[in-house]
């Protein structure tokens, strides 16, 4: 299907260079697949626990770096 859209050419070229894809169509197909995959993962992770289940899982004043520094010999 042909569609006329405005694209960020710099970003598209950067994606093509990073992935080694040779055509704009391949780069757009890749980006759409990756976006769909990321959205499916986010939806799955949100379905595991509602926000209220883990909101208070860690104390607000907890500083993992400070704890690690104390444990370092």
C-alpha atoms as a PDB file:
ATOM      1  CA  UNK A   1       0.000   0.000   0.000  1.00  0.00           C
ATOM      2  CA  UNK A   2       1.349   3.386  -0.913  1.00  0.00           C
ATOM      3  CA  UNK A   3       1.031   6.239   1.540  1.00  0.00           C
ATOM      4  CA  UNK A   4       2.454   9.755   1.443  1.00  0.00           C
ATOM      5  CA  UNK A   5       3.882  10.837   4.808  1.00  0.00           C
ATOM      6  CA  UNK A   6       6.500  13.246   6.057  1.00  0.00           C
ATOM      7  CA  UNK A   7       9.438  11.547   7.747  1.00  0.00           C
ATOM      8  CA  UNK A   8      12.424  12.669   9.746  1.00  0.00           C
ATOM      9  CA  UNK A   9      15.013  11.906   7.052  1.00  0.00           C
ATOM     10  CA  UNK A  10      17.922  12.129   9.479  1.00  0.00           C
ATOM     11  CA  UNK A  11      16.351   9.582  11.791  1.00  0.00           C
ATOM     12  CA  UNK A  12      15.435   7.305   8.885  1.00  0.00           C
ATOM     13  CA  UNK A  13      18.993   7.377   7.507  1.00  0.00           C
ATOM     14  CA  UNK A  14      20.401   6.778  10.989  1.00  0.00           C
ATOM     15  CA  UNK A  15      18.124   3.739  11.392  1.00  0.00           C
ATOM     16  CA  UNK A  16      19.173   2.401   8.009  1.00  0.00           C
ATOM     17  CA  UNK A  17      22.825   2.804   8.917  1.00  0.00           C
ATOM     18  CA  UNK A  18      22.420   1.177  12.350  1.00  0.00           C
ATOM     19  CA  UNK A  19      20.463  -1.791  11.034  1.00  0.00           C
ATOM     20  CA  UNK A  20      22.189  -2.203   7.682  1.00  0.00           C
ATOM     21  CA  UNK A  21      18.864  -1.995   5.875  1.00  0.00           C
ATOM     22  CA  UNK A  22      19.226  -0.849   2.285  1.00  0.00           C
ATOM     23  CA  UNK A  23      15.790   0.569   1.496  1.00  0.00           C
ATOM     24  CA  UNK A  24      13.465   3.075   3.096  1.00  0.00           C
ATOM     25  CA  UNK A  25      10.613   0.558   2.897  1.00  0.00           C
ATOM     26  CA  UNK A  26      12.638  -2.052   4.758  1.00  0.00           C
ATOM     27  CA  UNK A  27      13.563   0.510   7.419  1.00  0.00           C
ATOM     28  CA  UNK A  28       9.931   1.549   7.904  1.00  0.00           C
ATOM     29  CA  UNK A  29       8.772  -2.073   8.064  1.00  0.00           C
ATOM     30  CA  UNK A  30      11.480  -2.752  10.654  1.00  0.00           C
ATOM     31  CA  UNK A  31      10.483   0.295  12.724  1.00  0.00           C
ATOM     32  CA  UNK A  32       6.808  -0.705  12.646  1.00  0.00           C
ATOM     33  CA  UNK A  33       7.595  -4.276  13.712  1.00  0.00           C
ATOM     34  CA  UNK A  34       9.798  -3.056  16.564  1.00  0.00           C
ATOM     35  CA  UNK A  35       7.192  -0.529  17.739  1.00  0.00           C
ATOM     36  CA  UNK A  36       4.493  -3.206  17.706  1.00  0.00           C
ATOM     37  CA  UNK A  37       6.761  -5.611  19.596  1.00  0.00           C
ATOM     38  CA  UNK A  38       7.555  -2.995  22.252  1.00  0.00           C
ATOM     39  CA  UNK A  39       3.863  -2.134  22.644  1.00  0.00           C
ATOM     40  CA  UNK A  40       2.949  -5.806  23.089  1.00  0.00           C
ATOM     41  CA  UNK A  41       5.636  -6.207  25.762  1.00  0.00           C
ATOM     42  CA  UNK A  42       4.423  -3.087  27.612  1.00  0.00           C
ATOM     43  CA  UNK A  43       0.831  -4.344  27.497  1.00  0.00           C
ATOM     44  CA  UNK A  44       1.888  -7.764  28.783  1.00  0.00           C
ATOM     45  CA  UNK A  45       3.957  -6.324  31.625  1.00  0.00           C
ATOM     46  CA  UNK A  46       1.116  -4.013  32.667  1.00  0.00           C
ATOM     47  CA  UNK A  47      -1.251  -6.981  32.769  1.00  0.00           C
ATOM     48  CA  UNK A  48       0.937  -8.843  35.273  1.00  0.00           C
ATOM     49  CA  UNK A  49       0.470  -6.450  38.170  1.00  0.00           C
ATOM     50  CA  UNK A  50      -1.658  -3.367  38.469  1.00  0.00           C
ATOM     51  CA  UNK A  51       0.239  -0.182  39.383  1.00  0.00           C
ATOM     52  CA  UNK A  52      -1.181  -0.295  42.912  1.00  0.00           C
ATOM     53  CA  UNK A  53       0.533  -3.640  43.549  1.00  0.00           C
ATOM     54  CA  UNK A  54       4.063  -2.322  43.200  1.00  0.00           C
ATOM     55  CA  UNK A  55       3.759   1.398  43.929  1.00  0.00           C
ATOM     56  CA  UNK A  56       4.907   0.953  47.537  1.00  0.00           C
ATOM     57  CA  UNK A  57       7.224  -2.005  46.870  1.00  0.00           C
ATOM     58  CA  UNK A  58      10.319   0.095  47.601  1.00  0.00           C
ATOM     59  CA  UNK A  59      10.545   2.689  50.353  1.00  0.00           C
ATOM     60  CA  UNK A  60      10.627   6.237  48.979  1.00  0.00           C
ATOM     61  CA  UNK A  61      13.873   7.050  50.829  1.00  0.00           C
ATOM     62  CA  UNK A  62      15.688   3.893  49.690  1.00  0.00           C
ATOM     63  CA  UNK A  63      18.992   4.652  47.953  1.00  0.00           C
ATOM     64  CA  UNK A  64      20.487   1.573  46.347  1.00  0.00           C
ATOM     65  CA  UNK A  65      23.800   3.325  45.622  1.00  0.00           C
ATOM     66  CA  UNK A  66      24.250   4.305  49.267  1.00  0.00           C
ATOM     67  CA  UNK A  67      23.573   0.704  50.337  1.00  0.00           C
ATOM     68  CA  UNK A  68      26.104  -0.616  47.835  1.00  0.00           C
ATOM     69  CA  UNK A  69      28.740   1.866  48.980  1.00  0.00           C
ATOM     70  CA  UNK A  70      28.319   0.669  52.575  1.00  0.00           C
ATOM     71  CA  UNK A  71      28.702  -2.952  51.454  1.00  0.00           C
ATOM     72  CA  UNK A  72      31.860  -2.312  49.404  1.00  0.00           C
ATOM     73  CA  UNK A  73      34.966  -3.378  51.347  1.00  0.00           C
END
